[in-house]
Amino acid sequence: MKVLVTGAAGQLGHEVCACFGCVGAEVVALTRADLDVASRQQVLGALSVIGPDVVVNCAAYTAVDQCEAESDRAYLINALAVRYLAEAANRFDVHLCHISTDYVFSGSKGEPYHEWDQPAPLSVYGASKLAGEQEAGPKATVVRTSWLCGVNGNNVVKTVLELARRGDPLKFVTDQRGSPSFASDVAKIVQTLCSDRRPGVYHVANEGEATWYEFAKEVLLAAGHDPDLVEPITTSELSSLRPARRPANSVLDNRALRLAGITQLPHYSESLVRLVKALGV
């Protein structure tokens, strides 16, 4: 199998490349500098020349708050680029896997969201990612994940540890709840879904749920710090600093994976300990 991974320098892209490599696939890892997914000509040219069996699209514009001011850029990268990838995949008989987000939901549901719940994004970022899901088409695999953390890239685990190292205040919200997920775990499911060429939407998040406040405390505890260093705040206290609305509840239920008999991801607390060790803390 030959696998082309876009956004390969990101935290999930990095792990997806490693995961496919471990099963003997030929991996073509393309960063933003290697391939501009927002260029139809480049996308069609890359798939024509490389000739992959599978494309995993990890490329995205993920600056949630900046998307509010740069909606054209958000839709260009998160939606129109997926149209180009889907067009190329259909033309060259390539299976497309597109990575999406929990932010496609409004957060008003009182329990975890499953794959058949109706999306209703609150932000430009969420709306552009939902548009990307629609552009991927019915033959593609769409993987929704959430609160992603990994060795590569920026994420909340690294932020919490850096703030603690510097002795800076740690203030995290108590009224946003989600599913902390880990790139290395998510990548394994992506590899399984792509190898089987399974179409449709799949939620791929680690088991368990937490608020940002609760998760920050667990990060400190895993690193041997005092978890009481974290102060609880509300989203309204951050609203002036963060223009994009976040869903109050974006916990994902991996219902499609479970019903399909695919192995579930471990509880996020187990993966958190492994990540903190991998970061050398």
Protein backbone atom coordinates (compact mmCIF):
# COMPACT_ATOMS: atom_id res chain seq x y z
CA MET A 1 0.00 0.00 0.00
CA LYS A 2 1.20 3.49 -0.84
CA VAL A 3 -0.17 6.21 1.46
CA LEU A 4 0.05 9.96 0.88
CA VAL A 5 -0.33 12.03 4.05
CA THR A 6 -1.00 15.76 3.79
CA GLY A 7 -0.19 17.99 6.75
CA ALA A 8 2.43 15.42 7.71
CA ALA A 9 4.31 17.80 10.03
CA GLY A 10 1.34 18.21 12.38
CA GLN A 11 0.76 16.16 15.49
CA LEU A 12 -1.72 13.75 13.89
CA GLY A 13 -0.01 13.71 10.49
CA HIS A 14 3.27 12.73 12.14
CA GLU A 15 1.65 9.81 13.96
CA VAL A 16 -0.32 8.67 10.91
CA CYS A 17 2.93 8.45 8.92
CA ALA A 18 4.58 6.44 11.69
CA CYS A 19 1.59 4.13 12.05
CA PHE A 20 1.38 3.25 8.36
CA GLY A 21 5.15 2.80 8.28
CA CYS A 22 4.90 0.23 11.07
CA VAL A 23 2.60 -1.97 8.95
CA GLY A 24 4.92 -1.87 5.95
CA ALA A 25 3.14 0.75 3.86
CA GLU A 26 5.07 3.07 1.59
CA VAL A 27 4.44 6.50 3.10
CA VAL A 28 4.73 9.78 1.20
CA ALA A 29 4.71 12.50 3.86
CA LEU A 30 3.90 15.94 2.47
CA THR A 31 4.09 19.10 4.57
CA ARG A 32 2.53 22.47 3.76
CA ALA A 33 5.78 23.41 2.00
CA ASP A 34 5.60 20.26 -0.16
CA LEU A 35 1.96 20.53 -1.21
CA ASP A 36 -0.50 23.40 -1.09
CA VAL A 37 -3.80 21.54 -0.75
CA ALA A 38 -5.62 24.77 -1.63
CA SER A 39 -4.17 24.56 -5.15
CA ARG A 40 -6.24 22.32 -7.41
CA GLN A 41 -3.36 22.08 -9.89
CA GLN A 42 -0.91 20.96 -7.22
CA VAL A 43 -3.33 18.42 -5.75
CA LEU A 44 -4.18 16.84 -9.11
CA GLY A 45 -0.50 16.82 -10.07
CA ALA A 46 0.63 15.23 -6.81
CA LEU A 47 -1.85 12.36 -6.95
CA SER A 48 -1.16 11.78 -10.63
CA VAL A 49 2.62 11.56 -10.10
CA ILE A 50 2.70 9.78 -6.73
CA GLY A 51 -0.10 7.31 -7.47
CA PRO A 52 -1.14 6.52 -3.89
CA ASP A 53 -3.72 3.96 -2.86
CA VAL A 54 -4.86 6.12 0.06
CA VAL A 55 -4.71 9.82 0.90
CA VAL A 56 -5.04 10.88 4.54
CA ASN A 57 -5.79 14.58 4.73
CA CYS A 58 -4.41 15.96 7.98
CA ALA A 59 -3.92 19.44 6.52
CA ALA A 60 -6.19 22.09 8.07
CA TYR A 61 -6.43 25.68 9.21
CA THR A 62 -6.92 25.09 12.94
CA ALA A 63 -6.48 28.59 14.41
CA VAL A 64 -10.03 28.61 15.76
CA ASP A 65 -10.19 32.28 16.74
CA GLN A 66 -8.33 33.54 13.67
CA CYS A 67 -10.87 31.74 11.50
CA GLU A 68 -13.49 34.23 12.69
CA ALA A 69 -11.56 37.06 11.05
CA GLU A 70 -10.25 34.99 8.13
CA SER A 71 -13.30 33.04 7.02
CA ASP A 72 -12.24 32.91 3.36
CA ARG A 73 -8.94 31.32 4.33
CA ALA A 74 -10.72 28.87 6.64
CA TYR A 75 -13.08 27.73 3.88
CA LEU A 76 -10.28 27.62 1.30
CA ILE A 77 -8.13 25.24 3.37
CA ASN A 78 -10.77 23.34 5.33
CA ALA A 79 -13.40 22.96 2.61
CA LEU A 80 -12.42 23.83 -0.96
CA ALA A 81 -9.10 21.99 -0.60
CA VAL A 82 -11.05 18.87 0.35
CA ARG A 83 -13.07 19.27 -2.86
CA TYR A 84 -9.81 19.18 -4.81
CA LEU A 85 -8.60 16.11 -2.91
CA ALA A 86 -11.93 14.34 -3.47
CA GLU A 87 -11.86 15.20 -7.18
CA ALA A 88 -8.33 13.81 -7.51
CA ALA A 89 -9.18 10.73 -5.43
CA ASN A 90 -12.16 9.93 -7.67
CA ARG A 91 -10.15 10.55 -10.83
CA PHE A 92 -7.28 8.24 -9.85
CA ASP A 93 -9.24 5.62 -7.82
CA VAL A 94 -7.68 6.64 -4.50
CA HIS A 95 -9.37 6.22 -1.11
CA LEU A 96 -9.66 9.53 0.74
CA CYS A 97 -9.61 9.86 4.52
CA HIS A 98 -10.41 13.33 5.83
CA ILE A 99 -9.82 14.43 9.43
CA SER A 100 -12.56 16.53 11.03
CA THR A 101 -13.46 17.84 14.47
CA ASP A 102 -15.86 17.87 17.41
CA TYR A 103 -16.44 21.57 16.70
CA VAL A 104 -19.04 20.64 14.06
CA PHE A 105 -21.49 20.31 16.98
CA SER A 106 -23.25 23.08 18.92
CA GLY A 107 -22.62 21.58 22.35
CA SER A 108 -26.26 21.88 23.44
CA LYS A 109 -26.81 18.12 23.74
CA GLY A 110 -26.77 16.80 27.29
CA GLU A 111 -24.91 13.59 26.42
CA PRO A 112 -22.09 12.50 24.08
CA TYR A 113 -22.50 13.10 20.35
CA HIS A 114 -22.62 10.10 18.02
CA GLU A 115 -22.10 10.02 14.27
CA TRP A 116 -25.81 10.35 13.41
CA ASP A 117 -26.41 13.47 15.49
CA GLN A 118 -27.09 16.62 13.50
CA PRO A 119 -24.09 18.98 13.29
CA ALA A 120 -24.67 22.66 14.10
CA PRO A 121 -21.32 24.46 14.37
CA LEU A 122 -21.01 27.66 16.40
CA SER A 123 -17.84 29.01 14.79
CA VAL A 124 -16.36 29.67 11.36
CA TYR A 125 -13.80 26.97 12.08
CA GLY A 126 -16.50 24.40 12.87
CA ALA A 127 -18.59 25.43 9.86
CA SER A 128 -15.61 25.22 7.50
CA LYS A 129 -14.70 21.77 8.81
CA LEU A 130 -18.29 20.60 8.36
CA ALA A 131 -18.14 21.90 4.79
CA GLY A 132 -14.97 19.83 4.34
CA GLU A 133 -16.81 16.71 5.48
CA GLN A 134 -19.47 17.36 2.86
CA GLU A 135 -16.87 17.96 0.15
CA ALA A 136 -15.12 14.66 0.95
CA GLY A 137 -18.08 12.77 -0.50
CA PRO A 138 -19.83 9.47 0.31
CA LYS A 139 -16.88 7.24 -0.63
CA ALA A 140 -14.47 8.89 1.81
CA THR A 141 -13.66 8.05 5.40
CA VAL A 142 -14.35 11.03 7.66
CA VAL A 143 -12.72 10.86 11.08
CA ARG A 144 -13.92 13.27 13.74
CA THR A 145 -11.62 13.62 16.69
CA SER A 146 -11.32 16.09 19.57
CA TRP A 147 -8.97 17.85 21.99
CA LEU A 148 -6.02 16.29 20.20
CA CYS A 149 -2.66 15.91 21.99
CA GLY A 150 0.63 14.44 20.82
CA VAL A 151 4.40 14.63 20.89
CA ASN A 152 4.46 16.83 17.78
CA GLY A 153 2.84 20.24 17.47
CA ASN A 154 1.15 22.48 19.99
CA ASN A 155 -1.51 21.18 22.36
CA VAL A 156 -2.95 21.73 25.83
CA VAL A 157 -0.68 19.16 27.52
CA LYS A 158 2.42 21.03 26.38
CA THR A 159 0.81 24.36 27.32
CA VAL A 160 -0.02 23.23 30.86
CA LEU A 161 3.46 21.81 31.41
CA GLU A 162 5.14 24.95 30.08
CA LEU A 163 3.01 27.24 32.26
CA ALA A 164 3.85 25.10 35.29
CA ARG A 165 7.56 25.18 34.44
CA ARG A 166 7.53 28.97 34.23
CA GLY A 167 5.41 29.36 37.34
CA ASP A 168 2.72 31.21 35.39
CA PRO A 169 -0.96 31.18 36.44
CA LEU A 170 -2.98 28.21 35.22
CA LYS A 171 -6.62 29.12 34.61
CA PHE A 172 -8.87 26.70 32.75
CA VAL A 173 -12.60 26.65 32.13
CA THR A 174 -15.01 24.41 33.99
CA ASP A 175 -17.94 24.78 31.58
CA GLN A 176 -16.52 23.18 28.42
CA ARG A 177 -16.51 19.38 28.40
CA GLY A 178 -14.94 17.13 25.79
CA SER A 179 -13.00 13.99 24.94
CA PRO A 180 -9.22 14.37 25.34
CA SER A 181 -7.69 12.35 22.50
CA PHE A 182 -4.16 11.32 21.66
CA ALA A 183 -2.62 11.39 18.21
CA SER A 184 -0.87 8.03 18.51
CA ASP A 185 -4.15 6.29 19.43
CA VAL A 186 -6.21 8.06 16.78
CA ALA A 187 -3.62 7.24 14.10
CA LYS A 188 -4.02 3.49 14.71
CA ILE A 189 -7.74 3.69 14.02
CA VAL A 190 -7.14 5.84 10.94
CA GLN A 191 -4.79 3.16 9.64
CA THR A 192 -7.41 0.45 10.23
CA LEU A 193 -10.22 2.39 8.57
CA CYS A 194 -8.06 3.29 5.56
CA SER A 195 -6.70 -0.22 5.10
CA ASP A 196 -10.30 -1.48 4.97
CA ARG A 197 -11.39 1.49 2.82
CA ARG A 198 -14.38 2.03 5.08
CA PRO A 199 -16.55 4.95 3.93
CA GLY A 200 -18.61 7.18 6.20
CA VAL A 201 -18.20 9.20 9.38
CA TYR A 202 -16.42 7.78 12.41
CA HIS A 203 -15.86 9.38 15.78
CA VAL A 204 -12.37 8.51 16.96
CA ALA A 205 -11.72 9.80 20.46
CA ASN A 206 -10.20 8.29 23.56
CA GLU A 207 -12.57 6.93 26.19
CA GLY A 208 -13.55 9.20 29.06
CA GLU A 209 -14.50 12.86 29.29
CA ALA A 210 -13.37 15.93 31.21
CA THR A 211 -13.60 19.68 31.41
CA TRP A 212 -10.52 21.68 30.46
CA TYR A 213 -10.07 22.42 34.17
CA GLU A 214 -10.22 18.74 35.10
CA PHE A 215 -7.88 17.78 32.28
CA ALA A 216 -5.32 20.43 33.22
CA LYS A 217 -5.28 19.11 36.78
CA GLU A 218 -4.67 15.57 35.49
CA VAL A 219 -1.81 16.80 33.30
CA LEU A 220 -0.10 18.33 36.35
CA LEU A 221 -0.69 15.21 38.40
CA ALA A 222 0.79 12.97 35.68
CA ALA A 223 3.90 15.18 35.61
CA GLY A 224 4.33 15.16 39.39
CA HIS A 225 3.08 18.72 39.98
CA ASP A 226 0.46 19.94 42.42
CA PRO A 227 -2.90 19.75 40.60
CA ASP A 228 -4.32 22.46 42.86
CA LEU A 229 -2.20 24.99 40.97
CA VAL A 230 -5.01 25.11 38.40
CA GLU A 231 -7.68 27.74 38.99
CA PRO A 232 -11.24 27.23 37.69
CA ILE A 233 -12.79 29.94 35.50
CA THR A 234 -15.79 30.19 33.17
CA THR A 235 -15.94 30.65 29.42
CA SER A 236 -17.50 34.08 29.88
CA GLU A 237 -14.30 35.24 31.57
CA LEU A 238 -12.41 34.41 28.36
CA SER A 239 -14.99 35.60 25.83
CA SER A 240 -13.28 38.92 25.18
CA LEU A 241 -10.02 37.11 24.39
CA ARG A 242 -11.53 34.34 22.27
CA PRO A 243 -13.95 35.53 19.59
CA ALA A 244 -14.92 32.04 18.39
CA ARG A 245 -17.69 30.32 20.33
CA ARG A 246 -16.82 26.87 21.66
CA PRO A 247 -19.32 24.04 22.24
CA ALA A 248 -20.05 23.55 25.95
CA ASN A 249 -20.27 19.81 25.37
CA SER A 250 -18.28 18.18 22.59
CA VAL A 251 -17.82 14.71 24.09
CA LEU A 252 -17.73 12.18 21.26
CA ASP A 253 -19.32 8.73 21.38
CA ASN A 254 -17.42 6.33 19.09
CA ARG A 255 -20.69 4.59 18.25
CA ALA A 256 -19.85 3.63 14.67
CA LEU A 257 -16.54 2.07 15.72
CA ARG A 258 -18.23 0.19 18.54
CA LEU A 259 -21.06 -1.13 16.39
CA ALA A 260 -18.56 -2.14 13.68
CA GLY A 261 -16.63 -4.20 16.24
CA ILE A 262 -13.46 -2.11 15.91
CA THR A 263 -11.26 -1.94 19.00
CA GLN A 264 -11.94 1.15 21.08
CA LEU A 265 -9.25 3.61 22.10
CA PRO A 266 -7.89 3.42 25.68
CA HIS A 267 -9.06 5.80 28.39
CA TYR A 268 -7.46 9.20 27.97
CA SER A 269 -5.81 9.00 31.41
CA GLU A 270 -3.69 6.03 30.29
CA SER A 271 -2.53 7.80 27.15
CA LEU A 272 -1.88 11.01 29.07
CA VAL A 273 0.67 9.25 31.28
CA ARG A 274 2.42 7.83 28.20
CA LEU A 275 2.52 11.24 26.51
CA VAL A 276 3.96 12.99 29.57
CA LYS A 277 6.71 10.35 29.72
CA ALA A 278 7.38 10.72 25.99
CA LEU A 279 7.77 14.46 26.46
CA GLY A 280 10.50 13.74 29.00
CA VAL A 281 8.74 15.38 31.93
